Protein backbone atom coordinates (compact mmCIF):
# COMPACT_ATOMS: atom_id res chain seq x y z
CA MET A 1 -4.95 6.50 -3.95
CA SER A 2 -3.87 6.89 -0.35
CA VAL A 3 -0.74 5.64 1.34
CA LEU A 4 -1.22 4.25 4.83
CA ASN A 5 1.54 3.32 7.26
CA PRO A 6 4.48 4.00 4.88
CA THR A 7 7.17 3.10 7.44
CA GLY A 8 7.85 0.35 9.93
CA ASP A 9 7.62 -3.41 9.66
CA PHE A 10 4.53 -3.40 7.48
CA PRO A 11 4.39 -3.41 3.71
CA GLN A 12 3.48 -0.12 2.14
CA ILE A 13 -0.32 -0.22 2.19
CA LEU A 14 -2.09 1.53 -0.66
CA THR A 15 -5.80 2.00 -1.21
CA SER A 16 -7.22 2.18 -4.69
CA ASN A 17 -10.77 2.79 -5.81
CA TYR A 18 -12.52 1.60 -8.95
CA GLY A 19 -14.53 4.83 -8.87
CA GLU A 20 -14.75 7.90 -6.70
CA MET A 21 -17.90 8.72 -4.73
CA THR A 22 -18.38 12.39 -3.97
CA SER A 23 -21.30 11.79 -1.60
CA GLY A 24 -18.93 10.40 1.02
CA TRP A 25 -17.17 13.75 1.28
CA ILE A 26 -20.22 15.94 1.83
CA GLY A 27 -20.37 17.24 5.37
CA HIS A 28 -16.99 15.79 6.36
CA PRO A 29 -14.92 18.44 8.22
CA MET A 30 -11.82 17.79 6.10
CA ALA A 31 -13.81 18.44 2.89
CA SER A 32 -14.48 22.05 3.92
CA PHE A 33 -10.87 23.23 3.36
CA ASP A 34 -10.63 25.65 0.46
CA ASP A 35 -7.71 25.56 -2.01
CA ASP A 36 -5.72 28.17 -0.06
CA GLN A 37 -6.06 26.22 3.21
CA GLN A 38 -5.15 22.95 1.49
CA GLY A 39 -2.07 24.64 -0.02
CA LYS A 40 -0.96 25.82 3.43
CA ILE A 41 -1.49 22.34 4.89
CA SER A 42 0.52 20.80 2.03
CA ALA A 43 3.37 23.26 2.60
CA LEU A 44 3.43 22.50 6.35
CA LEU A 45 3.45 18.76 5.70
CA ALA A 46 6.27 19.09 3.16
CA ARG A 47 8.39 21.25 5.53
CA ALA A 48 7.84 18.74 8.32
CA GLY A 49 9.00 15.94 6.04
CA HIS A 50 5.63 14.21 6.32
CA PRO A 51 5.43 11.27 3.87
CA LEU A 52 1.81 11.95 2.89
CA SER A 53 0.57 14.69 0.61
CA ASN A 54 -2.40 16.75 1.79
CA GLN A 55 -4.79 14.85 -0.48
CA GLN A 56 -3.49 11.49 0.77
CA LEU A 57 -3.77 12.67 4.38
CA VAL A 58 -7.35 13.86 3.88
CA GLN A 59 -8.29 10.54 2.24
CA SER A 60 -6.53 8.56 4.96
CA LEU A 61 -8.25 10.48 7.76
CA THR A 62 -11.60 10.29 5.99
CA GLN A 63 -11.34 6.54 5.40
CA SER A 64 -10.19 5.79 8.93
CA SER A 65 -12.86 7.97 10.56
CA MET A 66 -15.78 6.68 8.51
CA SER A 67 -17.33 3.36 9.41
CA THR A 68 -18.10 1.86 6.03
CA ARG A 69 -18.91 -1.51 4.68
CA ARG A 70 -17.21 -2.27 1.43
CA ILE A 71 -16.26 -4.92 -1.06
CA VAL A 72 -12.47 -5.09 -1.33
CA GLN A 73 -9.78 -7.14 -2.97
CA VAL A 74 -6.26 -7.31 -1.49
CA PHE A 75 -3.03 -7.69 -3.46
CA ILE A 76 0.51 -8.05 -2.08
CA ALA A 77 3.50 -7.81 -4.40
CA ASP A 78 7.28 -7.66 -4.35
CA PRO A 79 8.10 -4.51 -6.36
CA ASP A 80 11.78 -5.44 -6.90
CA ILE A 81 12.49 -5.21 -10.63
CA ASN A 82 14.77 -8.27 -10.41
CA VAL A 83 11.85 -10.50 -9.39
CA PRO A 84 10.30 -12.19 -12.44
CA LEU A 85 6.89 -10.78 -13.25
CA GLU A 86 5.15 -14.14 -12.89
CA SER A 87 6.47 -14.44 -9.31
CA ALA A 88 6.09 -10.83 -8.15
CA LEU A 89 2.48 -11.19 -6.97
CA LEU A 90 2.60 -12.97 -3.60
CA PHE A 91 -1.08 -12.72 -2.67
CA LYS A 92 -4.40 -11.97 -4.35
CA SER A 93 -7.58 -12.30 -2.31
CA GLU A 94 -11.02 -12.96 -3.61
CA PRO A 95 -13.38 -9.96 -3.47
CA LYS A 96 -14.67 -9.75 0.09
CA PHE A 97 -17.49 -7.87 1.85
CA THR A 98 -16.03 -6.34 5.03
CA ASP A 99 -16.05 -3.43 7.45
CA ALA A 100 -12.36 -3.92 8.33
CA THR A 101 -9.78 -1.17 7.84
CA ASP A 102 -6.83 -1.67 5.49
CA GLN A 103 -4.58 -2.40 8.48
CA GLU A 104 -7.02 -5.00 9.82
CA LEU A 105 -7.12 -6.64 6.38
CA TYR A 106 -3.32 -6.91 6.51
CA PHE A 107 -3.54 -9.04 9.65
CA GLU A 108 -5.88 -11.47 7.88
CA VAL A 109 -3.13 -12.35 5.37
CA PRO A 110 -0.71 -15.20 6.23
CA ILE A 111 2.19 -12.86 5.47
CA THR A 112 4.89 -14.83 7.31
CA ASP A 113 4.23 -18.00 5.32
CA LEU A 114 3.97 -16.08 2.04
CA LEU A 115 7.22 -14.24 2.66
CA LYS A 116 9.09 -17.39 3.70
CA ALA A 117 8.08 -19.20 0.49
CA HIS A 118 8.84 -16.12 -1.62
CA ASN A 119 12.30 -15.68 -0.08
CA GLU A 120 13.16 -19.28 -0.97
CA LYS A 121 12.55 -18.33 -4.61
CA ARG A 122 14.43 -15.02 -4.27
CA LYS A 123 17.61 -16.97 -3.46
CA THR A 124 17.55 -18.33 -7.01
CA TRP A 125 17.15 -14.97 -8.79
CA LEU A 126 20.04 -12.67 -9.62
CA ASP A 127 20.43 -9.07 -8.56
CA LYS A 128 21.34 -7.72 -11.99
CA ASP A 129 22.96 -4.47 -10.81
CA ALA A 130 25.01 -6.12 -8.06
CA SER A 131 26.06 -8.93 -10.41
CA ARG A 132 27.16 -6.44 -13.06
CA LYS A 133 29.19 -4.42 -10.53
CA ALA A 134 30.80 -7.46 -8.90
CA GLY A 135 31.49 -9.25 -12.16
CA LYS A 136 29.91 -12.43 -10.79
CA ASP A 137 26.44 -13.76 -10.04
CA ILE A 138 24.91 -12.24 -6.90
CA ALA A 139 21.57 -13.59 -5.67
CA LEU A 140 18.82 -11.34 -4.37
CA GLU A 141 18.71 -10.70 -0.64
CA PRO A 142 15.66 -12.01 1.24
CA ALA A 143 12.81 -9.50 1.22
CA LYS A 144 11.47 -8.02 4.43
CA ILE A 145 7.80 -7.36 5.04
CA ARG A 146 8.40 -3.62 4.68
CA ASP A 147 9.82 -4.20 1.17
CA LEU A 148 6.45 -5.47 -0.06
CA LYS A 149 3.52 -3.42 -1.31
CA MET A 150 -0.06 -4.12 -0.34
CA VAL A 151 -2.88 -2.62 -2.38
CA VAL A 152 -6.47 -2.71 -1.15
CA VAL A 153 -8.85 -2.10 -4.03
CA ASN A 154 -12.27 -0.76 -3.01
CA ILE A 155 -14.70 -2.33 -5.44
CA ALA A 156 -17.78 -0.83 -3.77
CA GLN A 157 -18.54 1.11 -0.58
CA PHE A 158 -21.83 1.14 1.29
């Protein structure tokens, strides 16, 4: 699973695969790092405060540099534990054949409309921790796009 664009005004975008294909890695320059080199890269990334692990970075670079056609399904959810489970999933696409990147898929989602409707519901749900501390009912704050999580599931790659 790789994390793409973990900061900013986008939801956290995750990529998940039903199965791993090793043939896509053969001959890719990033695949030639041995364990010692990967360990050094990981240590440098950690010291620099980089949000991605070495494996996530390699997968992210590999996915973004390879032009692939794939069948994907996109999910967007509000991960807040105070949101009822039946309302936490804001968007679920149908499986789709595409050559778009995860970021391009994000722009195909009517996120503004989804978030507006979701935030209307959030006003009616209680923030359990804040309510307990205040001794009175406190409603959830409206979610921002960056509070959401988007998962792109690769069903098949060609």
